[in-house]
Structure formats: structure tokens, C-alpha cells
Amino acid sequence: MPLAMQLKPSFPAPELVSMLMKAMNPVYLEPGDYLMHQGDDYDGIYFMESGQVSVFAETATETENTDLSAAIHRYIATLLSQRLTWDEGRVHKN
């Protein structure tokens, strides 16, 4: 199923998904390729449309993992709210 169709149920307005899709660039990986390594500088967020992924990470404690997850969610929400605004039934890119 195309990524846009997978995301639409999670967004308050379908127009937001269309705007997000226009801002993204596809990345295609072959089996065994690495997308990133732990400690790499942040270069964006990734949505997986199809395939499988393995994630390996060295972690310290469960509390730190929970804090990191919450921080990532806050960052994504802030990023989207800064880039997209909802005004009288229309979506605007900031």
C-alpha cells in the first residue's frame, strides 16, 4: 500500500498528507545496506513504505529510552506544526 494511504488515517486532514509527501524524497536501499549508524548526525525522519528493517542500538536504561522516544515525538509534532498550519479548512505551508 502506498505510504500516503498508510498515513492518511493518522492525519486530521488528507491535505496534510499530500503536503508531507511533496516535501519528502524517496530513499531506496538494497538488502544489507545501512540507512544510518548510531551516533550519526540527524539528517531527517524516515517513513518506511515497504520492506523490513532491523534496528540495533546500544542503550543505557529503560528510562533514557522512554525519554528519547518522547523527545522524538515532540520534535516531529513541532516540526509539522511549524511547517503546516490549518486555517478555515485550508492547509498552508509556512
PDB file of N, CA and C in Angstrom:
ATOM      1  N   MET A   1       0.851  -1.170   0.000  1.00  0.00           N
ATOM      2  CA  MET A   1       0.000   0.000   0.000  1.00  0.00           C
ATOM      3  C   MET A   1       0.900   1.238   0.000  1.00  0.00           C
ATOM      4  N   PRO A   2       0.626   2.216  -0.853  1.00  0.00           N
ATOM      5  CA  PRO A   2       1.447   3.427  -0.900  1.00  0.00           C
ATOM      6  C   PRO A   2       1.498   4.129   0.462  1.00  0.00           C
ATOM      7  N   LEU A   3       2.618   4.772   0.731  1.00  0.00           N
ATOM      8  CA  LEU A   3       2.820   5.426   2.016  1.00  0.00           C
ATOM      9  C   LEU A   3       1.734   6.458   2.310  1.00  0.00           C
ATOM     10  N   ALA A   4       1.335   7.239   1.325  1.00  0.00           N
ATOM     11  CA  ALA A   4       0.308   8.261   1.554  1.00  0.00           C
ATOM     12  C   ALA A   4      -0.974   7.635   2.088  1.00  0.00           C
ATOM     13  N   MET A   5      -1.358   6.500   1.549  1.00  0.00           N
ATOM     14  CA  MET A   5      -2.568   5.820   2.016  1.00  0.00           C
ATOM     15  C   MET A   5      -2.385   5.289   3.435  1.00  0.00           C
ATOM     16  N   GLN A   6      -1.180   4.862   3.766  1.00  0.00           N
ATOM     17  CA  GLN A   6      -0.905   4.369   5.114  1.00  0.00           C
ATOM     18  C   GLN A   6      -0.968   5.500   6.142  1.00  0.00           C
ATOM     19  N   LEU A   7      -0.571   6.706   5.750  1.00  0.00           N
ATOM     20  CA  LEU A   7      -0.514   7.832   6.680  1.00  0.00           C
ATOM     21  C   LEU A   7      -1.851   8.539   6.869  1.00  0.00           C
ATOM     22  N   LYS A   8      -2.707   8.546   5.865  1.00  0.00           N
ATOM     23  CA  LYS A   8      -3.954   9.325   5.923  1.00  0.00           C
ATOM     24  C   LYS A   8      -4.799   9.074   7.171  1.00  0.00           C
ATOM     25  N   PRO A   9      -4.961   7.838   7.645  1.00  0.00           N
ATOM     26  CA  PRO A   9      -5.788   7.655   8.855  1.00  0.00           C
ATOM     27  C   PRO A   9      -5.211   8.342  10.096  1.00  0.00           C
ATOM     28  N   SER A  10      -3.919   8.659  10.105  1.00  0.00           N
ATOM     29  CA  SER A  10      -3.277   9.264  11.266  1.00  0.00           C
ATOM     30  C   SER A  10      -3.289  10.791  11.232  1.00  0.00           C
ATOM     31  N   PHE A  11      -3.745  11.387  10.133  1.00  0.00           N
ATOM     32  CA  PHE A  11      -3.714  12.837   9.982  1.00  0.00           C
ATOM     33  C   PHE A  11      -5.126  13.415  10.073  1.00  0.00           C
ATOM     34  N   PRO A  12      -5.260  14.613  10.643  1.00  0.00           N
ATOM     35  CA  PRO A  12      -6.585  15.214  10.796  1.00  0.00           C
ATOM     36  C   PRO A  12      -7.211  15.653   9.477  1.00  0.00           C
ATOM     37  N   ALA A  13      -6.390  15.864   8.455  1.00  0.00           N
ATOM     38  CA  ALA A  13      -6.913  16.285   7.150  1.00  0.00           C
ATOM     39  C   ALA A  13      -6.071  15.646   6.048  1.00  0.00           C
ATOM     40  N   PRO A  14      -6.692  15.073   5.039  1.00  0.00           N
ATOM     41  CA  PRO A  14      -5.937  14.429   3.955  1.00  0.00           C
ATOM     42  C   PRO A  14      -4.949  15.369   3.270  1.00  0.00           C
ATOM     43  N   GLU A  15      -5.255  16.668   3.240  1.00  0.00           N
ATOM     44  CA  GLU A  15      -4.363  17.629   2.585  1.00  0.00           C
ATOM     45  C   GLU A  15      -2.986  17.672   3.248  1.00  0.00           C
ATOM     46  N   LEU A  16      -2.956  17.406   4.547  1.00  0.00           N
ATOM     47  CA  LEU A  16      -1.677  17.401   5.255  1.00  0.00           C
ATOM     48  C   LEU A  16      -0.769  16.297   4.742  1.00  0.00           C
ATOM     49  N   VAL A  17      -1.336  15.146   4.447  1.00  0.00           N
ATOM     50  CA  VAL A  17      -0.536  14.029   3.931  1.00  0.00           C
ATOM     51  C   VAL A  17       0.033  14.397   2.571  1.00  0.00           C
ATOM     52  N   SER A  18      -0.776  14.998   1.720  1.00  0.00           N
ATOM     53  CA  SER A  18      -0.305  15.393   0.388  1.00  0.00           C
ATOM     54  C   SER A  18       0.860  16.365   0.491  1.00  0.00           C
ATOM     55  N   MET A  19       0.759  17.323   1.405  1.00  0.00           N
ATOM     56  CA  MET A  19       1.851  18.285   1.586  1.00  0.00           C
ATOM     57  C   MET A  19       3.115  17.611   2.099  1.00  0.00           C
ATOM     58  N   LEU A  20       2.942  16.691   3.042  1.00  0.00           N
ATOM     59  CA  LEU A  20       4.085  15.962   3.579  1.00  0.00           C
ATOM     60  C   LEU A  20       4.754  15.137   2.483  1.00  0.00           C
ATOM     61  N   MET A  21       3.969  14.469   1.673  1.00  0.00           N
ATOM     62  CA  MET A  21       4.521  13.633   0.606  1.00  0.00           C
ATOM     63  C   MET A  21       5.320  14.460  -0.394  1.00  0.00           C
ATOM     64  N   LYS A  22       4.872  15.673  -0.682  1.00  0.00           N
ATOM     65  CA  LYS A  22       5.593  16.547  -1.622  1.00  0.00           C
ATOM     66  C   LYS A  22       6.933  16.990  -1.059  1.00  0.00           C
ATOM     67  N   ALA A  23       7.042  17.055   0.268  1.00  0.00           N
ATOM     68  CA  ALA A  23       8.273  17.510   0.909  1.00  0.00           C
ATOM     69  C   ALA A  23       9.301  16.389   1.092  1.00  0.00           C
ATOM     70  N   MET A  24       8.888  15.137   0.877  1.00  0.00           N
ATOM     71  CA  MET A  24       9.782  14.006   1.128  1.00  0.00           C
ATOM     72  C   MET A  24      10.503  13.567  -0.142  1.00  0.00           C
ATOM     73  N   ASN A  25      11.662  12.957   0.061  1.00  0.00           N
ATOM     74  CA  ASN A  25      12.444  12.379  -1.023  1.00  0.00           C
ATOM     75  C   ASN A  25      12.593  10.887  -0.774  1.00  0.00           C
ATOM     76  N   PRO A  26      12.314  10.056  -1.777  1.00  0.00           N
ATOM     77  CA  PRO A  26      12.438   8.607  -1.560  1.00  0.00           C
ATOM     78  C   PRO A  26      13.902   8.175  -1.413  1.00  0.00           C
ATOM     79  N   VAL A  27      14.099   7.162  -0.588  1.00  0.00           N
ATOM     80  CA  VAL A  27      15.409   6.540  -0.408  1.00  0.00           C
ATOM     81  C   VAL A  27      15.206   5.056  -0.620  1.00  0.00           C
ATOM     82  N   TYR A  28      15.973   4.481  -1.505  1.00  0.00           N
ATOM     83  CA  TYR A  28      15.869   3.051  -1.792  1.00  0.00           C
ATOM     84  C   TYR A  28      17.141   2.367  -1.321  1.00  0.00           C
ATOM     85  N   LEU A  29      16.984   1.299  -0.558  1.00  0.00           N
ATOM     86  CA  LEU A  29      18.126   0.565  -0.029  1.00  0.00           C
ATOM     87  C   LEU A  29      18.080  -0.874  -0.490  1.00  0.00           C
ATOM     88  N   GLU A  30      19.232  -1.435  -0.680  1.00  0.00           N
ATOM     89  CA  GLU A  30      19.364  -2.851  -1.025  1.00  0.00           C
ATOM     90  C   GLU A  30      19.532  -3.646   0.265  1.00  0.00           C
ATOM     91  N   PRO A  31      19.199  -4.935   0.246  1.00  0.00           N
ATOM     92  CA  PRO A  31      19.419  -5.761   1.441  1.00  0.00           C
ATOM     93  C   PRO A  31      20.864  -5.639   1.925  1.00  0.00           C
ATOM     94  N   GLY A  32      21.018  -5.435   3.215  1.00  0.00           N
ATOM     95  CA  GLY A  32      22.347  -5.301   3.804  1.00  0.00           C
ATOM     96  C   GLY A  32      22.853  -3.868   3.879  1.00  0.00           C
ATOM     97  N   ASP A  33      22.178  -2.925   3.179  1.00  0.00           N
ATOM     98  CA  ASP A  33      22.572  -1.512   3.248  1.00  0.00           C
ATOM     99  C   ASP A  33      22.209  -0.931   4.615  1.00  0.00           C
ATOM    100  N   TYR A  34      22.945   0.082   5.017  1.00  0.00           N
ATOM    101  CA  TYR A  34      22.669   0.801   6.254  1.00  0.00           C
ATOM    102  C   TYR A  34      22.101   2.172   5.917  1.00  0.00           C
ATOM    103  N   LEU A  35      21.054   2.546   6.591  1.00  0.00           N
ATOM    104  CA  LEU A  35      20.480   3.877   6.436  1.00  0.00           C
ATOM    105  C   LEU A  35      21.233   4.872   7.317  1.00  0.00           C
ATOM    106  N   MET A  36      21.589   4.434   8.503  1.00  0.00           N
ATOM    107  CA  MET A  36      22.318   5.275   9.448  1.00  0.00           C
ATOM    108  C   MET A  36      22.978   4.381  10.485  1.00  0.00           C
ATOM    109  N   HIS A  37      23.884   4.971  11.217  1.00  0.00           N
ATOM    110  CA  HIS A  37      24.541   4.286  12.326  1.00  0.00           C
ATOM    111  C   HIS A  37      24.311   5.087  13.603  1.00  0.00           C
ATOM    112  N   GLN A  38      24.288   4.398  14.717  1.00  0.00           N
ATOM    113  CA  GLN A  38      24.117   5.067  16.000  1.00  0.00           C
ATOM    114  C   GLN A  38      25.200   6.118  16.163  1.00  0.00           C
ATOM    115  N   GLY A  39      24.780   7.321  16.557  1.00  0.00           N
ATOM    116  CA  GLY A  39      25.722   8.420  16.749  1.00  0.00           C
ATOM    117  C   GLY A  39      25.853   9.332  15.537  1.00  0.00           C
ATOM    118  N   ASP A  40      25.292   8.939  14.373  1.00  0.00           N
ATOM    119  CA  ASP A  40      25.326   9.801  13.190  1.00  0.00           C
ATOM    120  C   ASP A  40      24.565  11.089  13.472  1.00  0.00           C
ATOM    121  N   ASP A  41      24.960  12.174  12.811  1.00  0.00           N
ATOM    122  CA  ASP A  41      24.213  13.425  12.921  1.00  0.00           C
ATOM    123  C   ASP A  41      22.825  13.226  12.343  1.00  0.00           C
ATOM    124  N   TYR A  42      21.850  13.912  12.922  1.00  0.00           N
ATOM    125  CA  TYR A  42      20.460  13.843  12.470  1.00  0.00           C
ATOM    126  C   TYR A  42      20.359  14.449  11.073  1.00  0.00           C
ATOM    127  N   ASP A  43      19.700  13.756  10.162  1.00  0.00           N
ATOM    128  CA  ASP A  43      19.516  14.305   8.819  1.00  0.00           C
ATOM    129  C   ASP A  43      18.076  14.188   8.334  1.00  0.00           C
ATOM    130  N   GLY A  44      17.146  13.863   9.211  1.00  0.00           N
ATOM    131  CA  GLY A  44      15.745  13.811   8.816  1.00  0.00           C
ATOM    132  C   GLY A  44      15.016  12.657   9.466  1.00  0.00           C
ATOM    133  N   ILE A  45      13.755  12.551   9.088  1.00  0.00           N
ATOM    134  CA  ILE A  45      12.904  11.470   9.581  1.00  0.00           C
ATOM    135  C   ILE A  45      12.595  10.557   8.408  1.00  0.00           C
ATOM    136  N   TYR A  46      12.447   9.294   8.693  1.00  0.00           N
ATOM    137  CA  TYR A  46      12.199   8.314   7.642  1.00  0.00           C
ATOM    138  C   TYR A  46      10.899   7.574   7.895  1.00  0.00           C
ATOM    139  N   PHE A  47      10.122   7.392   6.843  1.00  0.00           N
ATOM    140  CA  PHE A  47       8.918   6.567   6.862  1.00  0.00           C
ATOM    141  C   PHE A  47       9.197   5.394   5.942  1.00  0.00           C
ATOM    142  N   MET A  48       8.872   4.191   6.386  1.00  0.00           N
ATOM    143  CA  MET A  48       9.103   3.013   5.567  1.00  0.00           C
ATOM    144  C   MET A  48       7.810   2.613   4.868  1.00  0.00           C
ATOM    145  N   GLU A  49       7.843   2.619   3.535  1.00  0.00           N
ATOM    146  CA  GLU A  49       6.658   2.277   2.759  1.00  0.00           C
ATOM    147  C   GLU A  49       6.513   0.767   2.614  1.00  0.00           C
ATOM    148  N   SER A  50       7.635   0.086   2.419  1.00  0.00           N
ATOM    149  CA  SER A  50       7.576  -1.372   2.287  1.00  0.00           C
ATOM    150  C   SER A  50       8.931  -1.967   2.645  1.00  0.00           C
ATOM    151  N   GLY A  51       8.929  -3.258   2.915  1.00  0.00           N
ATOM    152  CA  GLY A  51      10.158  -3.954   3.241  1.00  0.00           C
ATOM    153  C   GLY A  51      10.297  -4.224   4.723  1.00  0.00           C
ATOM    154  N   GLN A  52      11.504  -4.550   5.119  1.00  0.00           N
ATOM    155  CA  GLN A  52      11.797  -4.852   6.511  1.00  0.00           C
ATOM    156  C   GLN A  52      13.026  -4.067   6.933  1.00  0.00           C
ATOM    157  N   VAL A  53      13.100  -3.827   8.217  1.00  0.00           N
ATOM    158  CA  VAL A  53      14.256  -3.118   8.748  1.00  0.00           C
ATOM    159  C   VAL A  53      14.666  -3.770  10.060  1.00  0.00           C
ATOM    160  N   SER A  54      15.947  -3.772  10.310  1.00  0.00           N
ATOM    161  CA  SER A  54      16.474  -4.217  11.598  1.00  0.00           C
ATOM    162  C   SER A  54      17.119  -3.019  12.259  1.00  0.00           C
ATOM    163  N   VAL A  55      16.861  -2.862  13.555  1.00  0.00           N
ATOM    164  CA  VAL A  55      17.425  -1.750  14.308  1.00  0.00           C
ATOM    165  C   VAL A  55      18.254  -2.325  15.440  1.00  0.00           C
ATOM    166  N   PHE A  56      19.502  -1.900  15.500  1.00  0.00           N
ATOM    167  CA  PHE A  56      20.400  -2.312  16.569  1.00  0.00           C
ATOM    168  C   PHE A  56      20.890  -1.053  17.255  1.00  0.00           C
ATOM    169  N   ALA A  57      20.748  -1.000  18.578  1.00  0.00           N
ATOM    170  CA  ALA A  57      21.176   0.187  19.313  1.00  0.00           C
ATOM    171  C   ALA A  57      21.726  -0.218  20.661  1.00  0.00           C
ATOM    172  N   GLU A  58      22.786   0.471  21.053  1.00  0.00           N
ATOM    173  CA  GLU A  58      23.293   0.314  22.403  1.00  0.00           C
ATOM    174  C   GLU A  58      22.481   1.248  23.280  1.00  0.00           C
ATOM    175  N   THR A  59      21.918   0.741  24.352  1.00  0.00           N
ATOM    176  CA  THR A  59      21.089   1.559  25.219  1.00  0.00           C
ATOM    177  C   THR A  59      21.636   1.548  26.632  1.00  0.00           C
ATOM    178  N   ALA A  60      21.277   2.580  27.372  1.00  0.00           N
ATOM    179  CA  ALA A  60      21.738   2.680  28.746  1.00  0.00           C
ATOM    180  C   ALA A  60      20.681   2.140  29.693  1.00  0.00           C
ATOM    181  N   THR A  61      19.527   2.811  29.767  1.00  0.00           N
ATOM    182  CA  THR A  61      18.474   2.375  30.672  1.00  0.00           C
ATOM    183  C   THR A  61      17.125   2.523  30.001  1.00  0.00           C
ATOM    184  N   GLU A  62      16.133   1.855  30.537  1.00  0.00           N
ATOM    185  CA  GLU A  62      14.766   1.959  30.017  1.00  0.00           C
ATOM    186  C   GLU A  62      14.256   3.390  30.131  1.00  0.00           C
ATOM    187  N   THR A  63      14.597   4.084  31.204  1.00  0.00           N
ATOM    188  CA  THR A  63      14.160   5.468  31.390  1.00  0.00           C
ATOM    189  C   THR A  63      14.713   6.354  30.285  1.00  0.00           C
ATOM    190  N   GLU A  64      15.980   6.193  29.955  1.00  0.00           N
ATOM    191  CA  GLU A  64      16.577   7.002  28.891  1.00  0.00           C
ATOM    192  C   GLU A  64      15.922   6.703  27.551  1.00  0.00           C
ATOM    193  N   ASN A  65      15.599   5.435  27.285  1.00  0.00           N
ATOM    194  CA  ASN A  65      14.934   5.074  26.035  1.00  0.00           C
ATOM    195  C   ASN A  65      13.563   5.725  25.946  1.00  0.00           C
ATOM    196  N   THR A  66      12.800   5.729  27.029  1.00  0.00           N
ATOM    197  CA  THR A  66      11.479   6.342  27.058  1.00  0.00           C
ATOM    198  C   THR A  66      11.596   7.838  26.840  1.00  0.00           C
ATOM    199  N   ASP A  67      12.562   8.486  27.488  1.00  0.00           N
ATOM    200  CA  ASP A  67      12.775   9.919  27.317  1.00  0.00           C
ATOM    201  C   ASP A  67      13.131  10.249  25.877  1.00  0.00           C
ATOM    202  N   LEU A  68      13.960   9.446  25.241  1.00  0.00           N
ATOM    203  CA  LEU A  68      14.346   9.675  23.854  1.00  0.00           C
ATOM    204  C   LEU A  68      13.139   9.543  22.936  1.00  0.00           C
ATOM    205  N   SER A  69      12.336   8.522  23.150  1.00  0.00           N
ATOM    206  CA  SER A  69      11.138   8.326  22.336  1.00  0.00           C
ATOM    207  C   SER A  69      10.195   9.515  22.463  1.00  0.00           C
ATOM    208  N   ALA A  70       9.971   9.991  23.666  1.00  0.00           N
ATOM    209  CA  ALA A  70       9.101  11.147  23.888  1.00  0.00           C
ATOM    210  C   ALA A  70       9.678  12.390  23.213  1.00  0.00           C
ATOM    211  N   ALA A  71      10.979  12.562  23.292  1.00  0.00           N
ATOM    212  CA  ALA A  71      11.620  13.720  22.668  1.00  0.00           C
ATOM    213  C   ALA A  71      11.470  13.673  21.149  1.00  0.00           C
ATOM    214  N   ILE A  72      11.592  12.498  20.561  1.00  0.00           N
ATOM    215  CA  ILE A  72      11.424  12.352  19.115  1.00  0.00           C
ATOM    216  C   ILE A  72      10.002  12.698  18.709  1.00  0.00           C
ATOM    217  N   HIS A  73       9.022  12.208  19.455  1.00  0.00           N
ATOM    218  CA  HIS A  73       7.627  12.513  19.142  1.00  0.00           C
ATOM    219  C   HIS A  73       7.342  14.014  19.258  1.00  0.00           C
ATOM    220  N   ARG A  74       7.888  14.655  20.283  1.00  0.00           N
ATOM    221  CA  ARG A  74       7.694  16.100  20.440  1.00  0.00           C
ATOM    222  C   ARG A  74       8.327  16.860  19.274  1.00  0.00           C
ATOM    223  N   TYR A  75       9.518  16.414  18.858  1.00  0.00           N
ATOM    224  CA  TYR A  75      10.211  17.088  17.762  1.00  0.00           C
ATOM    225  C   TYR A  75       9.405  16.984  16.469  1.00  0.00           C
ATOM    226  N   ILE A  76       8.886  15.805  16.162  1.00  0.00           N
ATOM    227  CA  ILE A  76       8.103  15.609  14.946  1.00  0.00           C
ATOM    228  C   ILE A  76       6.847  16.472  14.973  1.00  0.00           C
ATOM    229  N   ALA A  77       6.157  16.492  16.095  1.00  0.00           N
ATOM    230  CA  ALA A  77       4.946  17.303  16.217  1.00  0.00           C
ATOM    231  C   ALA A  77       5.272  18.781  16.030  1.00  0.00           C
ATOM    232  N   THR A  78       6.366  19.240  16.609  1.00  0.00           N
ATOM    233  CA  THR A  78       6.769  20.638  16.473  1.00  0.00           C
ATOM    234  C   THR A  78       7.130  20.951  15.033  1.00  0.00           C
ATOM    235  N   LEU A  79       7.885  20.083  14.404  1.00  0.00           N
ATOM    236  CA  LEU A  79       8.289  20.275  13.015  1.00  0.00           C
ATOM    237  C   LEU A  79       7.071  20.397  12.111  1.00  0.00           C
ATOM    238  N   LEU A  80       6.126  19.488  12.262  1.00  0.00           N
ATOM    239  CA  LEU A  80       4.930  19.526  11.421  1.00  0.00           C
ATOM    240  C   LEU A  80       4.099  20.765  11.710  1.00  0.00           C
ATOM    241  N   SER A  81       3.975  21.160  12.963  1.00  0.00           N
ATOM    242  CA  SER A  81       3.159  22.330  13.285  1.00  0.00           C
ATOM    243  C   SER A  81       3.819  23.610  12.775  1.00  0.00           C
ATOM    244  N   GLN A  82       5.138  23.643  12.701  1.00  0.00           N
ATOM    245  CA  GLN A  82       5.824  24.823  12.191  1.00  0.00           C
ATOM    246  C   GLN A  82       5.699  24.916  10.671  1.00  0.00           C
ATOM    247  N   ARG A  83       5.650  23.792  10.003  1.00  0.00           N
ATOM    248  CA  ARG A  83       5.622  23.781   8.545  1.00  0.00           C
ATOM    249  C   ARG A  83       4.222  23.853   7.961  1.00  0.00           C
ATOM    250  N   LEU A  84       3.247  23.367   8.708  1.00  0.00           N
ATOM    251  CA  LEU A  84       1.887  23.304   8.198  1.00  0.00           C
ATOM    252  C   LEU A  84       0.939  23.984   9.170  1.00  0.00           C
ATOM    253  N   THR A  85       0.064  24.817   8.662  1.00  0.00           N
ATOM    254  CA  THR A  85      -0.947  25.413   9.518  1.00  0.00           C
ATOM    255  C   THR A  85      -2.312  25.174   8.909  1.00  0.00           C
ATOM    256  N   TRP A  86      -3.312  25.132   9.752  1.00  0.00           N
ATOM    257  CA  TRP A  86      -4.684  24.865   9.340  1.00  0.00           C
ATOM    258  C   TRP A  86      -5.464  26.158   9.515  1.00  0.00           C
ATOM    259  N   ASP A  87      -6.068  26.650   8.447  1.00  0.00           N
ATOM    260  CA  ASP A  87      -6.777  27.923   8.504  1.00  0.00           C
ATOM    261  C   ASP A  87      -8.061  27.831   7.675  1.00  0.00           C
ATOM    262  N   GLU A  88      -9.205  27.836   8.355  1.00  0.00           N
ATOM    263  CA  GLU A  88     -10.506  27.832   7.703  1.00  0.00           C
ATOM    264  C   GLU A  88     -10.631  26.725   6.654  1.00  0.00           C
ATOM    265  N   GLY A  89     -10.252  25.534   7.034  1.00  0.00           N
ATOM    266  CA  GLY A  89     -10.417  24.388   6.139  1.00  0.00           C
ATOM    267  C   GLY A  89      -9.356  24.249   5.079  1.00  0.00           C
ATOM    268  N   ARG A  90      -8.328  25.087   5.127  1.00  0.00           N
ATOM    269  CA  ARG A  90      -7.252  25.001   4.146  1.00  0.00           C
ATOM    270  C   ARG A  90      -5.930  24.807   4.857  1.00  0.00           C
ATOM    271  N   VAL A  91      -5.038  24.070   4.229  1.00  0.00           N
ATOM    272  CA  VAL A  91      -3.725  23.826   4.796  1.00  0.00           C
ATOM    273  C   VAL A  91      -2.741  24.761   4.113  1.00  0.00           C
ATOM    274  N   HIS A  92      -1.904  25.391   4.901  1.00  0.00           N
ATOM    275  CA  HIS A  92      -0.899  26.306   4.368  1.00  0.00           C
ATOM    276  C   HIS A  92       0.482  25.862   4.794  1.00  0.00           C
ATOM    277  N   LYS A  93       1.411  25.920   3.885  1.00  0.00           N
ATOM    278  CA  LYS A  93       2.795  25.602   4.219  1.00  0.00           C
ATOM    279  C   LYS A  93       3.467  26.888   4.664  1.00  0.00           C
ATOM    280  N   ASN A  94       4.117  26.856   5.833  1.00  0.00           N
ATOM    281  CA  ASN A  94       4.786  28.065   6.358  1.00  0.00           C
ATOM    282  C   ASN A  94       6.122  28.246   5.708  1.00  0.00           C
TER     283      ASN A  94
END
